[in-house]
């Protein structure tokens, strides 16, 4: 049984926080920083992952949690798409792309796993904050 007392206990949220930090680090570089549109889009998408996991948890209901996790998955995929643009424009190199793309892929898998778990678990088997 999964027990989350705080959204910070959720591994996917922890990894999303790390990815957001990485996104902010790469977008501080002058060449990337000058592309305001892409910079802001990828930053917002990374924040969206963390925020939707937290908000879904905070709602306290299984159905709503799954819905917000689905939105978070979409934001992770958006980050991956933005990474392609950053790579194609020369804002990041292949090594950074591969590392960040993999991190995003891992988060997507974690979110999917949590969604699957929640869908299979009766409401009584899920413990939220007390």
N, C-alpha and C. Protein backbone atom coordinates (compact mmCIF):
# COMPACT_ATOMS: atom_id res chain seq x y z
N UNK A 1 0.84 -1.18 0.00
CA UNK A 1 0.00 0.00 0.00
C UNK A 1 0.89 1.24 0.00
N UNK A 2 0.57 2.18 -0.87
CA UNK A 2 1.32 3.43 -0.92
C UNK A 2 0.78 4.38 0.14
N UNK A 3 1.69 4.95 0.89
CA UNK A 3 1.30 5.92 1.89
C UNK A 3 2.06 7.20 1.63
N UNK A 4 1.33 8.26 1.38
CA UNK A 4 1.92 9.56 1.17
C UNK A 4 1.35 10.49 2.23
N UNK A 5 2.19 10.98 3.08
CA UNK A 5 1.73 11.96 4.06
C UNK A 5 1.84 13.37 3.51
N UNK A 6 2.77 13.54 2.57
CA UNK A 6 3.00 14.84 1.95
C UNK A 6 3.31 14.60 0.48
N UNK A 7 3.04 15.58 -0.34
CA UNK A 7 3.34 15.39 -1.77
C UNK A 7 4.84 15.23 -1.98
N UNK A 8 5.62 15.78 -1.07
CA UNK A 8 7.08 15.66 -1.17
C UNK A 8 7.57 14.22 -1.02
N UNK A 9 6.70 13.34 -0.51
CA UNK A 9 7.04 11.92 -0.36
C UNK A 9 6.95 11.15 -1.68
N UNK A 10 6.35 11.74 -2.68
CA UNK A 10 6.12 11.06 -3.96
C UNK A 10 7.38 11.14 -4.81
N UNK A 11 7.92 9.98 -5.16
CA UNK A 11 9.18 9.93 -5.92
C UNK A 11 9.11 10.70 -7.23
N UNK A 12 7.99 10.61 -7.93
CA UNK A 12 7.85 11.33 -9.19
C UNK A 12 7.97 12.83 -8.97
N UNK A 13 7.42 13.34 -7.88
CA UNK A 13 7.53 14.77 -7.57
C UNK A 13 8.99 15.13 -7.28
N UNK A 14 9.68 14.28 -6.53
CA UNK A 14 11.09 14.53 -6.22
C UNK A 14 11.93 14.61 -7.48
N UNK A 15 11.71 13.67 -8.40
CA UNK A 15 12.45 13.66 -9.67
C UNK A 15 12.05 14.85 -10.55
N UNK A 16 10.79 15.23 -10.51
CA UNK A 16 10.34 16.39 -11.27
C UNK A 16 11.00 17.66 -10.74
N UNK A 17 11.19 17.72 -9.45
CA UNK A 17 11.89 18.87 -8.85
C UNK A 17 13.33 18.94 -9.37
N UNK A 18 14.00 17.80 -9.44
CA UNK A 18 15.37 17.76 -9.96
C UNK A 18 15.41 18.19 -11.43
N UNK A 19 14.43 17.71 -12.21
CA UNK A 19 14.39 18.07 -13.63
C UNK A 19 14.13 19.57 -13.78
N UNK A 20 13.26 20.13 -12.97
CA UNK A 20 12.99 21.57 -13.02
C UNK A 20 14.26 22.35 -12.73
N UNK A 21 15.01 21.91 -11.76
CA UNK A 21 16.28 22.58 -11.45
C UNK A 21 17.22 22.52 -12.67
N UNK A 22 17.28 21.37 -13.32
CA UNK A 22 18.13 21.23 -14.52
C UNK A 22 17.65 22.14 -15.63
N UNK A 23 16.33 22.23 -15.81
CA UNK A 23 15.77 23.11 -16.85
C UNK A 23 16.18 24.56 -16.57
N UNK A 24 16.07 24.97 -15.34
CA UNK A 24 16.46 26.35 -15.01
C UNK A 24 17.96 26.57 -15.22
N UNK A 25 18.76 25.57 -14.93
CA UNK A 25 20.21 25.71 -15.11
C UNK A 25 20.56 25.88 -16.59
N UNK A 26 19.98 25.06 -17.46
CA UNK A 26 20.34 25.16 -18.88
C UNK A 26 19.77 26.41 -19.52
N UNK A 27 18.63 26.87 -19.02
CA UNK A 27 18.01 28.05 -19.63
C UNK A 27 18.61 29.35 -19.12
N UNK A 28 19.51 29.27 -18.17
CA UNK A 28 20.24 30.46 -17.71
C UNK A 28 21.40 30.81 -18.64
N UNK A 29 21.81 29.84 -19.45
CA UNK A 29 22.91 30.07 -20.38
C UNK A 29 22.50 31.13 -21.40
N UNK A 30 23.44 31.99 -21.77
CA UNK A 30 23.11 33.17 -22.57
C UNK A 30 22.42 32.84 -23.89
N UNK A 31 22.88 31.81 -24.59
CA UNK A 31 22.28 31.50 -25.89
C UNK A 31 20.84 31.03 -25.73
N UNK A 32 20.57 30.21 -24.72
CA UNK A 32 19.22 29.73 -24.46
C UNK A 32 18.39 30.85 -23.85
N UNK A 33 18.98 31.60 -22.95
CA UNK A 33 18.27 32.65 -22.23
C UNK A 33 17.67 33.68 -23.19
N UNK A 34 18.35 33.93 -24.30
CA UNK A 34 17.88 34.94 -25.25
C UNK A 34 16.62 34.52 -26.00
N UNK A 35 16.35 33.23 -26.06
CA UNK A 35 15.12 32.74 -26.70
C UNK A 35 14.02 32.72 -25.65
N UNK A 36 13.44 33.88 -25.43
CA UNK A 36 12.47 34.04 -24.35
C UNK A 36 11.29 33.08 -24.48
N UNK A 37 10.80 32.89 -25.69
CA UNK A 37 9.64 32.02 -25.88
C UNK A 37 9.90 30.60 -25.45
N UNK A 38 10.95 30.00 -25.98
CA UNK A 38 11.28 28.61 -25.62
C UNK A 38 11.67 28.51 -24.16
N UNK A 39 12.46 29.48 -23.69
CA UNK A 39 12.90 29.47 -22.29
C UNK A 39 11.70 29.42 -21.36
N UNK A 40 10.73 30.28 -21.60
CA UNK A 40 9.58 30.34 -20.71
C UNK A 40 8.68 29.11 -20.86
N UNK A 41 8.55 28.59 -22.07
CA UNK A 41 7.71 27.41 -22.29
C UNK A 41 8.27 26.18 -21.55
N UNK A 42 9.56 25.96 -21.68
CA UNK A 42 10.13 24.77 -21.04
C UNK A 42 10.15 24.93 -19.52
N UNK A 43 10.34 26.15 -19.05
CA UNK A 43 10.29 26.38 -17.60
C UNK A 43 8.88 26.14 -17.07
N UNK A 44 7.89 26.69 -17.76
CA UNK A 44 6.50 26.49 -17.31
C UNK A 44 6.11 25.02 -17.34
N UNK A 45 6.55 24.30 -18.37
CA UNK A 45 6.22 22.87 -18.46
C UNK A 45 6.85 22.11 -17.30
N UNK A 46 8.08 22.45 -16.95
CA UNK A 46 8.74 21.73 -15.85
C UNK A 46 8.06 22.03 -14.52
N UNK A 47 7.67 23.27 -14.32
CA UNK A 47 6.95 23.62 -13.10
C UNK A 47 5.59 22.92 -13.06
N UNK A 48 4.97 22.80 -14.22
CA UNK A 48 3.66 22.16 -14.31
C UNK A 48 3.70 20.71 -13.83
N UNK A 49 4.78 20.01 -14.12
CA UNK A 49 4.88 18.61 -13.68
C UNK A 49 4.80 18.55 -12.16
N UNK A 50 5.67 19.32 -11.51
CA UNK A 50 5.69 19.33 -10.05
C UNK A 50 4.35 19.78 -9.48
N UNK A 51 3.83 20.85 -10.04
CA UNK A 51 2.60 21.45 -9.51
C UNK A 51 1.40 20.53 -9.64
N UNK A 52 1.29 19.85 -10.76
CA UNK A 52 0.14 18.97 -10.95
C UNK A 52 0.20 17.72 -10.08
N UNK A 53 1.39 17.22 -9.85
CA UNK A 53 1.52 16.09 -8.91
C UNK A 53 1.10 16.56 -7.52
N UNK A 54 1.59 17.71 -7.10
CA UNK A 54 1.26 18.24 -5.77
C UNK A 54 -0.23 18.57 -5.66
N UNK A 55 -0.77 19.25 -6.67
CA UNK A 55 -2.18 19.63 -6.61
C UNK A 55 -3.09 18.41 -6.62
N UNK A 56 -2.77 17.43 -7.45
CA UNK A 56 -3.57 16.21 -7.47
C UNK A 56 -3.57 15.52 -6.12
N UNK A 57 -2.41 15.45 -5.50
CA UNK A 57 -2.32 14.86 -4.17
C UNK A 57 -3.16 15.66 -3.18
N UNK A 58 -3.04 16.98 -3.27
CA UNK A 58 -3.73 17.84 -2.33
C UNK A 58 -5.24 17.78 -2.42
N UNK A 59 -5.75 17.37 -3.56
CA UNK A 59 -7.20 17.27 -3.71
C UNK A 59 -7.77 16.14 -2.86
N UNK A 60 -6.94 15.13 -2.58
CA UNK A 60 -7.36 14.07 -1.68
C UNK A 60 -8.25 12.99 -2.26
N UNK A 61 -8.66 13.12 -3.50
CA UNK A 61 -9.51 12.11 -4.11
C UNK A 61 -8.74 11.34 -5.17
N UNK A 62 -9.00 10.06 -5.24
CA UNK A 62 -8.30 9.19 -6.19
C UNK A 62 -8.52 9.63 -7.63
N UNK A 63 -9.74 9.86 -8.02
CA UNK A 63 -10.05 10.23 -9.40
C UNK A 63 -9.36 11.54 -9.78
N UNK A 64 -9.42 12.53 -8.90
CA UNK A 64 -8.78 13.82 -9.18
C UNK A 64 -7.26 13.68 -9.23
N UNK A 65 -6.72 12.87 -8.34
CA UNK A 65 -5.27 12.65 -8.33
C UNK A 65 -4.84 12.07 -9.68
N UNK A 66 -5.55 11.08 -10.15
CA UNK A 66 -5.21 10.47 -11.45
C UNK A 66 -5.32 11.50 -12.56
N UNK A 67 -6.34 12.33 -12.53
CA UNK A 67 -6.51 13.37 -13.55
C UNK A 67 -5.32 14.32 -13.57
N UNK A 68 -4.89 14.77 -12.40
CA UNK A 68 -3.76 15.69 -12.33
C UNK A 68 -2.45 15.00 -12.71
N UNK A 69 -2.33 13.72 -12.40
CA UNK A 69 -1.15 12.97 -12.84
C UNK A 69 -1.11 12.89 -14.36
N UNK A 70 -2.27 12.74 -14.98
CA UNK A 70 -2.33 12.70 -16.43
C UNK A 70 -1.87 14.02 -17.03
N UNK A 71 -2.25 15.11 -16.43
CA UNK A 71 -1.80 16.43 -16.89
C UNK A 71 -0.28 16.55 -16.71
N UNK A 72 0.23 16.05 -15.60
CA UNK A 72 1.68 16.08 -15.35
C UNK A 72 2.42 15.28 -16.42
N UNK A 73 1.86 14.12 -16.81
CA UNK A 73 2.48 13.32 -17.87
C UNK A 73 2.55 14.11 -19.17
N UNK A 74 1.49 14.83 -19.47
CA UNK A 74 1.49 15.65 -20.68
C UNK A 74 2.57 16.72 -20.63
N UNK A 75 2.77 17.31 -19.47
CA UNK A 75 3.80 18.33 -19.32
C UNK A 75 5.20 17.75 -19.46
N UNK A 76 5.39 16.53 -18.99
CA UNK A 76 6.70 15.87 -19.15
C UNK A 76 6.98 15.68 -20.64
N UNK A 77 5.98 15.25 -21.38
CA UNK A 77 6.16 15.05 -22.81
C UNK A 77 6.42 16.38 -23.51
N UNK A 78 5.79 17.43 -23.04
CA UNK A 78 6.05 18.77 -23.58
C UNK A 78 7.52 19.16 -23.37
N UNK A 79 8.06 18.87 -22.20
CA UNK A 79 9.48 19.15 -21.94
C UNK A 79 10.34 18.41 -22.95
N UNK A 80 10.02 17.14 -23.19
CA UNK A 80 10.81 16.36 -24.14
C UNK A 80 10.78 17.00 -25.53
N UNK A 81 9.63 17.48 -25.94
CA UNK A 81 9.52 18.14 -27.24
C UNK A 81 10.35 19.42 -27.27
N UNK A 82 10.30 20.19 -26.20
CA UNK A 82 11.09 21.43 -26.13
C UNK A 82 12.59 21.13 -26.16
N UNK A 83 12.97 20.00 -25.58
CA UNK A 83 14.39 19.63 -25.59
C UNK A 83 14.87 19.42 -27.02
N UNK A 84 14.02 18.86 -27.88
CA UNK A 84 14.39 18.70 -29.29
C UNK A 84 14.65 20.05 -29.95
N UNK A 85 13.80 21.02 -29.65
CA UNK A 85 14.00 22.36 -30.23
C UNK A 85 15.32 22.94 -29.73
N UNK A 86 15.57 22.81 -28.43
CA UNK A 86 16.82 23.33 -27.86
C UNK A 86 18.03 22.67 -28.50
N UNK A 87 17.94 21.37 -28.74
CA UNK A 87 19.03 20.65 -29.39
C UNK A 87 19.20 21.14 -30.83
N UNK A 88 18.11 21.21 -31.55
CA UNK A 88 18.16 21.61 -32.96
C UNK A 88 18.67 23.04 -33.14
N UNK A 89 18.40 23.91 -32.17
CA UNK A 89 18.86 25.30 -32.25
C UNK A 89 20.28 25.49 -31.71
N UNK A 90 20.86 24.40 -31.18
CA UNK A 90 22.21 24.48 -30.65
C UNK A 90 22.30 25.08 -29.26
N UNK A 91 21.17 25.14 -28.55
CA UNK A 91 21.17 25.68 -27.19
C UNK A 91 21.75 24.68 -26.20
N UNK A 92 21.59 23.40 -26.51
CA UNK A 92 22.15 22.34 -25.67
C UNK A 92 22.84 21.34 -26.58
N UNK A 93 23.78 20.59 -26.01
CA UNK A 93 24.45 19.56 -26.79
C UNK A 93 23.74 18.21 -26.62
N UNK A 94 24.19 17.24 -27.38
CA UNK A 94 23.55 15.92 -27.37
C UNK A 94 23.62 15.27 -25.99
N UNK A 95 24.71 15.45 -25.28
CA UNK A 95 24.87 14.84 -23.96
C UNK A 95 23.85 15.39 -22.97
N UNK A 96 23.66 16.70 -22.97
CA UNK A 96 22.67 17.31 -22.08
C UNK A 96 21.28 16.87 -22.49
N UNK A 97 21.02 16.87 -23.80
CA UNK A 97 19.72 16.41 -24.29
C UNK A 97 19.43 15.01 -23.80
N UNK A 98 20.38 14.09 -24.01
CA UNK A 98 20.17 12.69 -23.63
C UNK A 98 19.89 12.55 -22.14
N UNK A 99 20.65 13.27 -21.33
CA UNK A 99 20.49 13.18 -19.87
C UNK A 99 19.11 13.69 -19.44
N UNK A 100 18.72 14.84 -19.97
CA UNK A 100 17.45 15.43 -19.57
C UNK A 100 16.26 14.67 -20.16
N UNK A 101 16.40 14.20 -21.39
CA UNK A 101 15.33 13.43 -22.01
C UNK A 101 15.09 12.15 -21.21
N UNK A 102 16.16 11.50 -20.80
CA UNK A 102 16.06 10.26 -20.01
C UNK A 102 15.41 10.55 -18.65
N UNK A 103 15.79 11.65 -18.03
CA UNK A 103 15.18 12.01 -16.74
C UNK A 103 13.68 12.21 -16.91
N UNK A 104 13.29 12.88 -17.99
CA UNK A 104 11.87 13.09 -18.27
C UNK A 104 11.17 11.76 -18.52
N UNK A 105 11.81 10.90 -19.28
CA UNK A 105 11.25 9.58 -19.56
C UNK A 105 11.03 8.79 -18.26
N UNK A 106 12.00 8.86 -17.36
CA UNK A 106 11.89 8.18 -16.07
C UNK A 106 10.71 8.72 -15.25
N UNK A 107 10.54 10.03 -15.27
CA UNK A 107 9.43 10.65 -14.54
C UNK A 107 8.11 10.19 -15.15
N UNK A 108 8.03 10.16 -16.46
CA UNK A 108 6.81 9.69 -17.12
C UNK A 108 6.47 8.27 -16.69
N UNK A 109 7.47 7.42 -16.61
CA UNK A 109 7.26 6.04 -16.16
C UNK A 109 6.78 5.99 -14.72
N UNK A 110 7.36 6.82 -13.88
CA UNK A 110 6.95 6.86 -12.47
C UNK A 110 5.50 7.32 -12.34
N UNK A 111 5.16 8.34 -13.08
CA UNK A 111 3.79 8.85 -13.03
C UNK A 111 2.82 7.79 -13.55
N UNK A 112 3.17 7.15 -14.65
CA UNK A 112 2.33 6.09 -15.20
C UNK A 112 2.14 4.97 -14.17
N UNK A 113 3.22 4.60 -13.52
CA UNK A 113 3.14 3.55 -12.50
C UNK A 113 2.24 3.94 -11.35
N UNK A 114 2.33 5.18 -10.93
CA UNK A 114 1.48 5.66 -9.84
C UNK A 114 0.02 5.69 -10.30
N UNK A 115 -0.22 6.15 -11.52
CA UNK A 115 -1.59 6.15 -12.04
C UNK A 115 -2.16 4.74 -12.10
N UNK A 116 -1.37 3.80 -12.58
CA UNK A 116 -1.83 2.40 -12.68
C UNK A 116 -2.14 1.85 -11.30
N UNK A 117 -1.26 2.14 -10.35
CA UNK A 117 -1.48 1.69 -8.98
C UNK A 117 -2.78 2.25 -8.42
N UNK A 118 -2.98 3.55 -8.61
CA UNK A 118 -4.18 4.19 -8.08
C UNK A 118 -5.44 3.63 -8.73
N UNK A 119 -5.37 3.34 -10.04
CA UNK A 119 -6.54 2.82 -10.73
C UNK A 119 -6.92 1.42 -10.24
N UNK A 120 -5.95 0.65 -9.81
CA UNK A 120 -6.19 -0.73 -9.37
C UNK A 120 -6.50 -0.84 -7.89
N UNK A 121 -6.23 0.21 -7.14
CA UNK A 121 -6.35 0.16 -5.69
C UNK A 121 -7.69 0.74 -5.24
N UNK A 122 -8.40 0.00 -4.39
CA UNK A 122 -9.64 0.58 -3.85
C UNK A 122 -9.30 1.82 -3.02
N UNK A 123 -10.22 2.74 -2.97
CA UNK A 123 -10.00 3.98 -2.24
C UNK A 123 -9.55 3.71 -0.82
N UNK A 124 -10.08 2.66 -0.19
CA UNK A 124 -9.71 2.35 1.19
C UNK A 124 -8.27 1.91 1.32
N UNK A 125 -7.65 1.51 0.21
CA UNK A 125 -6.25 1.06 0.26
C UNK A 125 -5.25 2.17 0.05
N UNK A 126 -5.73 3.39 -0.15
CA UNK A 126 -4.85 4.53 -0.38
C UNK A 126 -4.88 5.41 0.85
N UNK A 127 -3.73 5.72 1.35
CA UNK A 127 -3.65 6.57 2.54
C UNK A 127 -3.10 7.93 2.14
N UNK A 128 -3.85 8.93 2.44
CA UNK A 128 -3.43 10.31 2.24
C UNK A 128 -3.07 10.91 3.58
N UNK A 129 -2.64 12.13 3.54
CA UNK A 129 -2.25 12.82 4.77
C UNK A 129 -3.39 12.78 5.77
N UNK A 130 -3.03 12.75 6.99
CA UNK A 130 -4.03 12.68 8.08
C UNK A 130 -4.18 14.04 8.72
